[in-house]
Amino acid sequence: MRKIAVVILILTFTLTAFADQAAYITKNQAERAVALLKEKTQIKHYCAPCDDKSIRTEEIQTIEAAPAGYEDFWEVKINGEGIDLAYVYFKDKKGKWKNVAKELKIKVEGVPNQLPKNAK
């Protein structure tokens, strides 16, 4: 029984380590992300470390860089909601869905550079 508790504890810490990788970022990073996404009409949300089974598409109505309300961190808000750039993808000119954080060279782990070609 003790081994099971240890395994659960380790899994909890592992998943927590991946959570919010690029949600709270610097002002410069937030502004660069907004500049990258401002001409886009949609993004895709996908969390590989969370073992997501699906990819969610979101239409962009509004986008802004805003203070996160924690220390000197900033965040990117799409349609009024803060997003984690580690789990957000944009479509480039060649039609590939690229990871926003990786495109901006923000250090993240466990996320693919781009979504598979068959991603919808």
N, C-alpha and C. Protein backbone atom coordinates (compact mmCIF):
# COMPACT_ATOMS: atom_id res chain seq x y z
N MET A 1 0.82 -1.18 0.00
CA MET A 1 0.00 0.00 0.00
C MET A 1 0.87 1.26 0.00
N ARG A 2 1.99 1.17 0.71
CA ARG A 2 2.89 2.31 0.79
C ARG A 2 3.51 2.63 -0.57
N LYS A 3 3.83 1.59 -1.34
CA LYS A 3 4.40 1.78 -2.67
C LYS A 3 3.42 2.51 -3.59
N ILE A 4 2.15 2.17 -3.48
CA ILE A 4 1.13 2.83 -4.30
C ILE A 4 1.06 4.32 -3.96
N ALA A 5 1.12 4.64 -2.69
CA ALA A 5 1.08 6.04 -2.26
C ALA A 5 2.29 6.81 -2.78
N VAL A 6 3.45 6.18 -2.78
CA VAL A 6 4.67 6.82 -3.28
C VAL A 6 4.54 7.07 -4.79
N VAL A 7 4.03 6.11 -5.52
CA VAL A 7 3.86 6.25 -6.97
C VAL A 7 2.88 7.39 -7.27
N ILE A 8 1.79 7.45 -6.55
CA ILE A 8 0.81 8.53 -6.74
C ILE A 8 1.44 9.87 -6.45
N LEU A 9 2.22 9.94 -5.40
CA LEU A 9 2.89 11.19 -5.03
C LEU A 9 3.87 11.63 -6.12
N ILE A 10 4.64 10.71 -6.64
CA ILE A 10 5.60 11.01 -7.70
C ILE A 10 4.87 11.49 -8.96
N LEU A 11 3.80 10.82 -9.34
CA LEU A 11 3.03 11.23 -10.51
C LEU A 11 2.43 12.62 -10.34
N THR A 12 1.97 12.91 -9.14
CA THR A 12 1.41 14.23 -8.86
C THR A 12 2.46 15.31 -9.04
N PHE A 13 3.66 15.09 -8.50
CA PHE A 13 4.73 16.07 -8.64
C PHE A 13 5.19 16.20 -10.09
N THR A 14 5.21 15.10 -10.83
CA THR A 14 5.62 15.12 -12.22
C THR A 14 4.65 15.96 -13.05
N LEU A 15 3.37 15.74 -12.90
CA LEU A 15 2.38 16.51 -13.65
C LEU A 15 2.39 17.97 -13.23
N THR A 16 2.59 18.23 -11.95
CA THR A 16 2.64 19.61 -11.46
C THR A 16 3.84 20.34 -12.06
N ALA A 17 4.94 19.63 -12.25
CA ALA A 17 6.14 20.25 -12.81
C ALA A 17 5.89 20.77 -14.22
N PHE A 18 5.01 20.11 -14.97
CA PHE A 18 4.71 20.54 -16.32
C PHE A 18 3.64 21.63 -16.36
N ALA A 19 2.83 21.73 -15.32
CA ALA A 19 1.74 22.70 -15.32
C ALA A 19 2.29 24.12 -15.35
N ASP A 20 1.59 24.98 -16.05
CA ASP A 20 1.93 26.40 -16.11
C ASP A 20 3.39 26.66 -16.46
N GLN A 21 3.88 26.03 -17.48
CA GLN A 21 5.27 26.23 -17.89
C GLN A 21 5.52 27.63 -18.44
N ALA A 22 4.57 28.12 -19.23
CA ALA A 22 4.76 29.43 -19.87
C ALA A 22 3.48 30.25 -19.77
N ALA A 23 2.84 30.18 -18.61
CA ALA A 23 1.64 30.98 -18.37
C ALA A 23 2.03 32.34 -17.83
N TYR A 24 2.92 32.36 -16.85
CA TYR A 24 3.44 33.60 -16.27
C TYR A 24 4.84 33.82 -16.85
N ILE A 25 4.97 34.87 -17.62
CA ILE A 25 6.20 35.12 -18.36
C ILE A 25 6.61 36.58 -18.19
N THR A 26 7.69 36.97 -18.84
CA THR A 26 8.13 38.36 -18.75
C THR A 26 7.24 39.24 -19.65
N LYS A 27 7.29 40.53 -19.40
CA LYS A 27 6.54 41.48 -20.22
C LYS A 27 6.98 41.37 -21.67
N ASN A 28 8.29 41.30 -21.89
CA ASN A 28 8.83 41.19 -23.24
C ASN A 28 8.32 39.94 -23.95
N GLN A 29 8.32 38.80 -23.26
CA GLN A 29 7.83 37.56 -23.85
C GLN A 29 6.35 37.67 -24.20
N ALA A 30 5.57 38.27 -23.31
CA ALA A 30 4.13 38.42 -23.55
C ALA A 30 3.89 39.32 -24.77
N GLU A 31 4.62 40.40 -24.86
CA GLU A 31 4.47 41.31 -26.00
C GLU A 31 4.88 40.64 -27.31
N ARG A 32 5.93 39.83 -27.27
CA ARG A 32 6.36 39.10 -28.47
C ARG A 32 5.32 38.07 -28.90
N ALA A 33 4.69 37.43 -27.91
CA ALA A 33 3.65 36.44 -28.22
C ALA A 33 2.44 37.13 -28.87
N VAL A 34 2.06 38.28 -28.33
CA VAL A 34 0.94 39.02 -28.91
C VAL A 34 1.27 39.43 -30.33
N ALA A 35 2.49 39.90 -30.57
CA ALA A 35 2.90 40.29 -31.92
C ALA A 35 2.84 39.10 -32.87
N LEU A 36 3.25 37.93 -32.40
CA LEU A 36 3.22 36.72 -33.22
C LEU A 36 1.79 36.31 -33.56
N LEU A 37 0.89 36.43 -32.61
CA LEU A 37 -0.47 35.91 -32.77
C LEU A 37 -1.50 36.94 -33.25
N LYS A 38 -1.15 38.22 -33.25
CA LYS A 38 -2.16 39.26 -33.49
C LYS A 38 -2.83 39.17 -34.86
N GLU A 39 -2.16 38.63 -35.85
CA GLU A 39 -2.77 38.50 -37.18
C GLU A 39 -3.42 37.14 -37.40
N LYS A 40 -3.34 36.27 -36.40
CA LYS A 40 -3.92 34.93 -36.52
C LYS A 40 -5.41 34.98 -36.17
N THR A 41 -6.17 34.08 -36.75
CA THR A 41 -7.61 34.03 -36.47
C THR A 41 -7.97 32.92 -35.49
N GLN A 42 -7.07 31.96 -35.34
CA GLN A 42 -7.34 30.88 -34.39
C GLN A 42 -6.04 30.27 -33.87
N ILE A 43 -6.19 29.58 -32.73
CA ILE A 43 -5.10 28.82 -32.12
C ILE A 43 -5.63 27.44 -31.80
N LYS A 44 -4.71 26.54 -31.49
CA LYS A 44 -5.08 25.20 -31.03
C LYS A 44 -4.44 24.98 -29.67
N HIS A 45 -5.20 24.37 -28.78
CA HIS A 45 -4.73 24.03 -27.44
C HIS A 45 -4.47 22.52 -27.39
N TYR A 46 -3.27 22.15 -26.93
CA TYR A 46 -2.93 20.73 -26.81
C TYR A 46 -1.84 20.58 -25.75
N CYS A 47 -2.11 19.74 -24.77
CA CYS A 47 -1.15 19.51 -23.68
C CYS A 47 -0.66 18.06 -23.75
N ALA A 48 0.47 17.86 -24.41
CA ALA A 48 1.06 16.53 -24.53
C ALA A 48 1.40 15.92 -23.17
N PRO A 49 2.02 16.69 -22.23
CA PRO A 49 2.35 16.10 -20.93
C PRO A 49 1.11 15.70 -20.12
N CYS A 50 -0.03 16.32 -20.44
CA CYS A 50 -1.28 16.01 -19.74
C CYS A 50 -1.96 14.79 -20.36
N ASP A 51 -1.37 14.27 -21.42
CA ASP A 51 -1.92 13.14 -22.17
C ASP A 51 -3.29 13.48 -22.75
N ASP A 52 -3.42 14.72 -23.27
CA ASP A 52 -4.67 15.12 -23.92
C ASP A 52 -5.00 14.15 -25.03
N LYS A 53 -6.26 13.82 -25.14
CA LYS A 53 -6.72 12.92 -26.20
C LYS A 53 -7.24 13.70 -27.40
N SER A 54 -7.45 15.01 -27.22
CA SER A 54 -7.97 15.81 -28.32
C SER A 54 -7.28 17.17 -28.35
N ILE A 55 -7.47 17.83 -29.46
CA ILE A 55 -6.91 19.16 -29.68
C ILE A 55 -8.10 20.11 -29.80
N ARG A 56 -8.08 21.18 -29.01
CA ARG A 56 -9.19 22.14 -29.01
C ARG A 56 -8.80 23.37 -29.82
N THR A 57 -9.67 23.76 -30.74
CA THR A 57 -9.46 24.95 -31.56
C THR A 57 -10.23 26.11 -30.94
N GLU A 58 -9.59 27.28 -30.93
CA GLU A 58 -10.23 28.49 -30.40
C GLU A 58 -10.08 29.63 -31.39
N GLU A 59 -11.18 30.27 -31.71
CA GLU A 59 -11.15 31.45 -32.56
C GLU A 59 -10.65 32.62 -31.72
N ILE A 60 -9.78 33.45 -32.29
CA ILE A 60 -9.24 34.60 -31.58
C ILE A 60 -10.12 35.81 -31.87
N GLN A 61 -10.75 36.31 -30.82
CA GLN A 61 -11.54 37.55 -30.92
C GLN A 61 -10.70 38.72 -30.42
N THR A 62 -10.06 38.51 -29.26
CA THR A 62 -9.20 39.54 -28.67
C THR A 62 -7.93 38.89 -28.16
N ILE A 63 -6.85 39.69 -28.16
CA ILE A 63 -5.58 39.22 -27.63
C ILE A 63 -4.86 40.40 -26.99
N GLU A 64 -4.25 40.13 -25.82
CA GLU A 64 -3.53 41.20 -25.13
C GLU A 64 -2.46 40.63 -24.22
N ALA A 65 -1.46 41.46 -23.95
CA ALA A 65 -0.46 41.16 -22.93
C ALA A 65 -0.90 41.94 -21.70
N ALA A 66 -0.91 41.28 -20.54
CA ALA A 66 -1.41 41.94 -19.33
C ALA A 66 -0.61 41.48 -18.12
N PRO A 67 -0.52 42.34 -17.09
CA PRO A 67 0.13 41.90 -15.84
C PRO A 67 -0.64 40.69 -15.29
N ALA A 68 0.10 39.71 -14.80
CA ALA A 68 -0.51 38.48 -14.29
C ALA A 68 -1.06 38.65 -12.87
N GLY A 69 -0.64 39.73 -12.21
CA GLY A 69 -1.11 39.93 -10.84
C GLY A 69 -0.28 39.16 -9.82
N TYR A 70 0.85 38.68 -10.26
CA TYR A 70 1.76 37.94 -9.38
C TYR A 70 3.17 38.42 -9.65
N GLU A 71 3.79 39.01 -8.65
CA GLU A 71 5.13 39.58 -8.77
C GLU A 71 5.21 40.45 -10.02
N ASP A 72 6.26 40.32 -10.81
CA ASP A 72 6.40 41.13 -12.02
C ASP A 72 6.05 40.34 -13.28
N PHE A 73 5.31 39.27 -13.12
CA PHE A 73 5.00 38.42 -14.27
C PHE A 73 3.86 38.99 -15.11
N TRP A 74 3.88 38.62 -16.38
CA TRP A 74 2.85 38.98 -17.34
C TRP A 74 2.25 37.72 -17.92
N GLU A 75 1.13 37.86 -18.61
CA GLU A 75 0.49 36.75 -19.28
C GLU A 75 -0.11 37.21 -20.59
N VAL A 76 -0.42 36.26 -21.44
CA VAL A 76 -1.13 36.54 -22.68
C VAL A 76 -2.57 36.10 -22.47
N LYS A 77 -3.49 37.00 -22.82
CA LYS A 77 -4.91 36.69 -22.69
C LYS A 77 -5.52 36.64 -24.09
N ILE A 78 -6.20 35.56 -24.34
CA ILE A 78 -6.97 35.42 -25.58
C ILE A 78 -8.43 35.33 -25.17
N ASN A 79 -9.22 36.20 -25.76
CA ASN A 79 -10.65 36.28 -25.45
C ASN A 79 -10.87 36.46 -23.95
N GLY A 80 -9.97 37.21 -23.32
CA GLY A 80 -10.10 37.54 -21.91
C GLY A 80 -9.57 36.50 -20.94
N GLU A 81 -9.08 35.38 -21.42
CA GLU A 81 -8.58 34.30 -20.57
C GLU A 81 -7.08 34.12 -20.75
N GLY A 82 -6.36 33.99 -19.63
CA GLY A 82 -4.93 33.74 -19.69
C GLY A 82 -4.65 32.37 -20.28
N ILE A 83 -3.60 32.28 -21.09
CA ILE A 83 -3.23 31.01 -21.71
C ILE A 83 -1.80 30.64 -21.33
N ASP A 84 -1.49 29.37 -21.44
CA ASP A 84 -0.13 28.89 -21.22
C ASP A 84 0.47 28.64 -22.59
N LEU A 85 1.45 29.44 -22.96
CA LEU A 85 2.04 29.36 -24.30
C LEU A 85 2.67 28.01 -24.60
N ALA A 86 2.96 27.23 -23.58
CA ALA A 86 3.54 25.90 -23.79
C ALA A 86 2.56 24.96 -24.47
N TYR A 87 1.27 25.22 -24.32
CA TYR A 87 0.24 24.31 -24.82
C TYR A 87 -0.63 24.96 -25.89
N VAL A 88 -0.09 25.99 -26.55
CA VAL A 88 -0.83 26.70 -27.59
C VAL A 88 -0.03 26.64 -28.89
N TYR A 89 -0.75 26.44 -29.99
CA TYR A 89 -0.15 26.30 -31.30
C TYR A 89 -0.79 27.27 -32.28
N PHE A 90 0.02 27.80 -33.20
CA PHE A 90 -0.47 28.71 -34.24
C PHE A 90 -0.10 28.13 -35.60
N LYS A 91 -0.87 28.51 -36.61
CA LYS A 91 -0.62 28.02 -37.97
C LYS A 91 0.33 28.97 -38.68
N ASP A 92 1.46 28.42 -39.17
CA ASP A 92 2.43 29.26 -39.89
C ASP A 92 2.05 29.36 -41.37
N LYS A 93 2.85 30.07 -42.13
CA LYS A 93 2.56 30.31 -43.55
C LYS A 93 2.56 29.03 -44.38
N LYS A 94 3.26 28.01 -43.89
CA LYS A 94 3.32 26.74 -44.61
C LYS A 94 2.21 25.78 -44.18
N GLY A 95 1.34 26.24 -43.26
CA GLY A 95 0.22 25.40 -42.83
C GLY A 95 0.54 24.48 -41.67
N LYS A 96 1.71 24.65 -41.06
CA LYS A 96 2.09 23.82 -39.91
C LYS A 96 1.64 24.50 -38.63
N TRP A 97 1.17 23.70 -37.67
CA TRP A 97 0.75 24.21 -36.37
C TRP A 97 1.95 24.15 -35.43
N LYS A 98 2.55 25.30 -35.15
CA LYS A 98 3.77 25.38 -34.35
C LYS A 98 3.47 25.82 -32.91
N ASN A 99 4.29 25.33 -32.00
CA ASN A 99 4.17 25.69 -30.58
C ASN A 99 4.63 27.13 -30.37
N VAL A 100 3.79 27.93 -29.71
CA VAL A 100 4.09 29.35 -29.51
C VAL A 100 5.33 29.53 -28.63
N ALA A 101 5.39 28.84 -27.50
CA ALA A 101 6.53 29.00 -26.58
C ALA A 101 7.84 28.64 -27.26
N LYS A 102 7.85 27.53 -27.97
CA LYS A 102 9.09 27.11 -28.63
C LYS A 102 9.47 28.07 -29.74
N GLU A 103 8.49 28.60 -30.45
CA GLU A 103 8.77 29.56 -31.52
C GLU A 103 9.43 30.82 -30.95
N LEU A 104 9.02 31.20 -29.73
CA LEU A 104 9.56 32.39 -29.08
C LEU A 104 10.79 32.08 -28.23
N LYS A 105 11.23 30.83 -28.26
CA LYS A 105 12.40 30.38 -27.51
C LYS A 105 12.23 30.54 -26.00
N ILE A 106 11.00 30.28 -25.54
CA ILE A 106 10.70 30.22 -24.11
C ILE A 106 10.91 28.78 -23.68
N LYS A 107 11.68 28.56 -22.65
CA LYS A 107 12.03 27.20 -22.24
C LYS A 107 10.79 26.47 -21.70
N VAL A 108 10.45 25.37 -22.38
CA VAL A 108 9.36 24.49 -21.96
C VAL A 108 9.81 23.05 -22.18
N GLU A 109 9.16 22.13 -21.50
CA GLU A 109 9.54 20.72 -21.61
C GLU A 109 8.34 19.85 -21.92
N GLY A 110 8.59 18.79 -22.66
CA GLY A 110 7.57 17.78 -22.89
C GLY A 110 6.50 18.15 -23.90
N VAL A 111 6.75 19.19 -24.70
CA VAL A 111 5.76 19.58 -25.70
C VAL A 111 6.39 19.48 -27.09
N PRO A 112 5.61 19.04 -28.08
CA PRO A 112 6.16 18.94 -29.43
C PRO A 112 6.35 20.31 -30.07
N ASN A 113 7.30 20.41 -30.97
CA ASN A 113 7.53 21.66 -31.71
C ASN A 113 6.32 22.03 -32.56
N GLN A 114 5.66 21.02 -33.07
CA GLN A 114 4.47 21.25 -33.88
C GLN A 114 3.51 20.08 -33.75
N LEU A 115 2.25 20.36 -34.10
CA LEU A 115 1.24 19.32 -34.06
C LEU A 115 1.40 18.42 -35.28
N PRO A 116 0.95 17.17 -35.20
CA PRO A 116 1.03 16.28 -36.35
C PRO A 116 0.25 16.86 -37.53
N LYS A 117 0.62 16.46 -38.73
CA LYS A 117 -0.05 16.96 -39.95
C LYS A 117 -1.56 16.70 -39.94
N ASN A 118 -1.97 15.61 -39.31
CA ASN A 118 -3.39 15.25 -39.31
C ASN A 118 -4.16 15.92 -38.17
N ALA A 119 -3.53 16.85 -37.46
CA ALA A 119 -4.21 17.54 -36.35
C ALA A 119 -5.32 18.40 -36.90
N LYS A 120 -6.47 18.30 -36.27
CA LYS A 120 -7.63 19.09 -36.73
C LYS A 120 -8.08 20.05 -35.69
